[in-house]
Amino acid sequence: MRAFEGQHSDNVAIKRSREQKERQLRELKDQFAALKSHAAPTLRTTMAKRIADLEAELKAPPAPPAGKPRRRG
């Protein structure tokens, strides 16, 4: 069965707001801290990479809002 344009099954990244990213970062940090000592090393590295990626995204300045073209002088 084929997906329709715009469905979540499309191979497109999910867009999240800054607040959603901050909440996800907090949750990931809590989950990472709660990992047991016998957790798989690949799971640890994957979570650490995702945490680092989210922190980098949040440190970057927010993108200008789209939609309105800028007027030039």
Protein backbone atom coordinates (compact mmCIF):
# COMPACT_ATOMS: atom_id res chain seq x y z
CA MET A 1 0.00 0.00 0.00
CA ARG A 2 1.43 3.36 -0.97
CA ALA A 3 1.59 6.32 1.35
CA PHE A 4 -0.16 9.55 0.57
CA GLU A 5 1.78 12.80 0.31
CA GLY A 6 2.45 14.23 3.78
CA GLN A 7 1.82 11.09 5.82
CA HIS A 8 4.12 10.32 8.74
CA SER A 9 5.21 7.20 6.89
CA ASP A 10 7.04 9.39 4.38
CA ASN A 11 10.79 9.44 4.90
CA VAL A 12 10.76 13.00 6.28
CA ALA A 13 12.07 14.27 9.60
CA ILE A 14 9.41 15.28 12.10
CA LYS A 15 9.45 19.02 12.75
CA ARG A 16 9.42 19.92 16.43
CA SER A 17 9.12 23.26 18.16
CA ARG A 18 11.83 24.53 20.51
CA GLU A 19 9.71 23.65 23.56
CA GLN A 20 9.21 20.10 22.31
CA LYS A 21 12.95 19.72 21.75
CA GLU A 22 13.70 21.00 25.26
CA ARG A 23 11.20 18.56 26.76
CA GLN A 24 12.62 15.69 24.72
CA LEU A 25 16.14 16.61 25.86
CA ARG A 26 15.10 16.55 29.52
CA GLU A 27 13.39 13.18 29.08
CA LEU A 28 16.40 11.69 27.28
CA LYS A 29 18.78 12.91 29.99
CA ASP A 30 16.55 11.36 32.68
CA GLN A 31 16.36 8.07 30.80
CA PHE A 32 20.12 8.07 30.22
CA ALA A 33 20.77 8.65 33.92
CA ALA A 34 18.37 5.83 34.82
CA LEU A 35 20.06 3.24 32.58
CA LYS A 36 21.23 0.14 34.38
CA SER A 37 24.88 -0.83 34.33
CA HIS A 38 24.14 -3.84 32.13
CA ALA A 39 22.45 -1.77 29.38
CA ALA A 40 23.84 -2.33 25.90
CA PRO A 41 26.79 -0.10 25.02
CA THR A 42 25.25 0.72 21.65
CA LEU A 43 22.14 2.00 23.42
CA ARG A 44 24.30 4.25 25.59
CA THR A 45 26.22 5.66 22.62
CA THR A 46 23.04 6.21 20.60
CA MET A 47 21.36 8.07 23.46
CA ALA A 48 24.48 10.14 24.13
CA LYS A 49 24.68 11.10 20.45
CA ARG A 50 21.01 12.10 20.35
CA ILE A 51 21.45 14.20 23.51
CA ALA A 52 24.47 15.93 21.98
CA ASP A 53 22.58 16.56 18.73
CA LEU A 54 19.63 18.10 20.58
CA GLU A 55 21.91 20.28 22.68
CA ALA A 56 23.64 21.53 19.52
CA GLU A 57 20.27 22.29 17.89
CA LEU A 58 19.13 24.24 20.93
CA LYS A 59 22.37 26.25 21.10
CA ALA A 60 22.01 27.34 17.48
CA PRO A 61 20.09 30.59 16.92
CA PRO A 62 16.47 30.04 15.91
CA ALA A 63 15.72 30.19 12.21
CA PRO A 64 13.86 33.28 10.98
CA PRO A 65 10.14 32.70 10.55
CA ALA A 66 9.19 31.65 7.05
CA GLY A 67 6.35 33.07 5.05
CA LYS A 68 6.99 36.81 4.90
CA PRO A 69 9.54 37.97 2.34
CA ARG A 70 11.96 40.58 3.60
CA ARG A 71 11.72 44.02 2.05
CA ARG A 72 14.87 45.65 0.82
CA GLY A 73 15.40 49.33 0.94
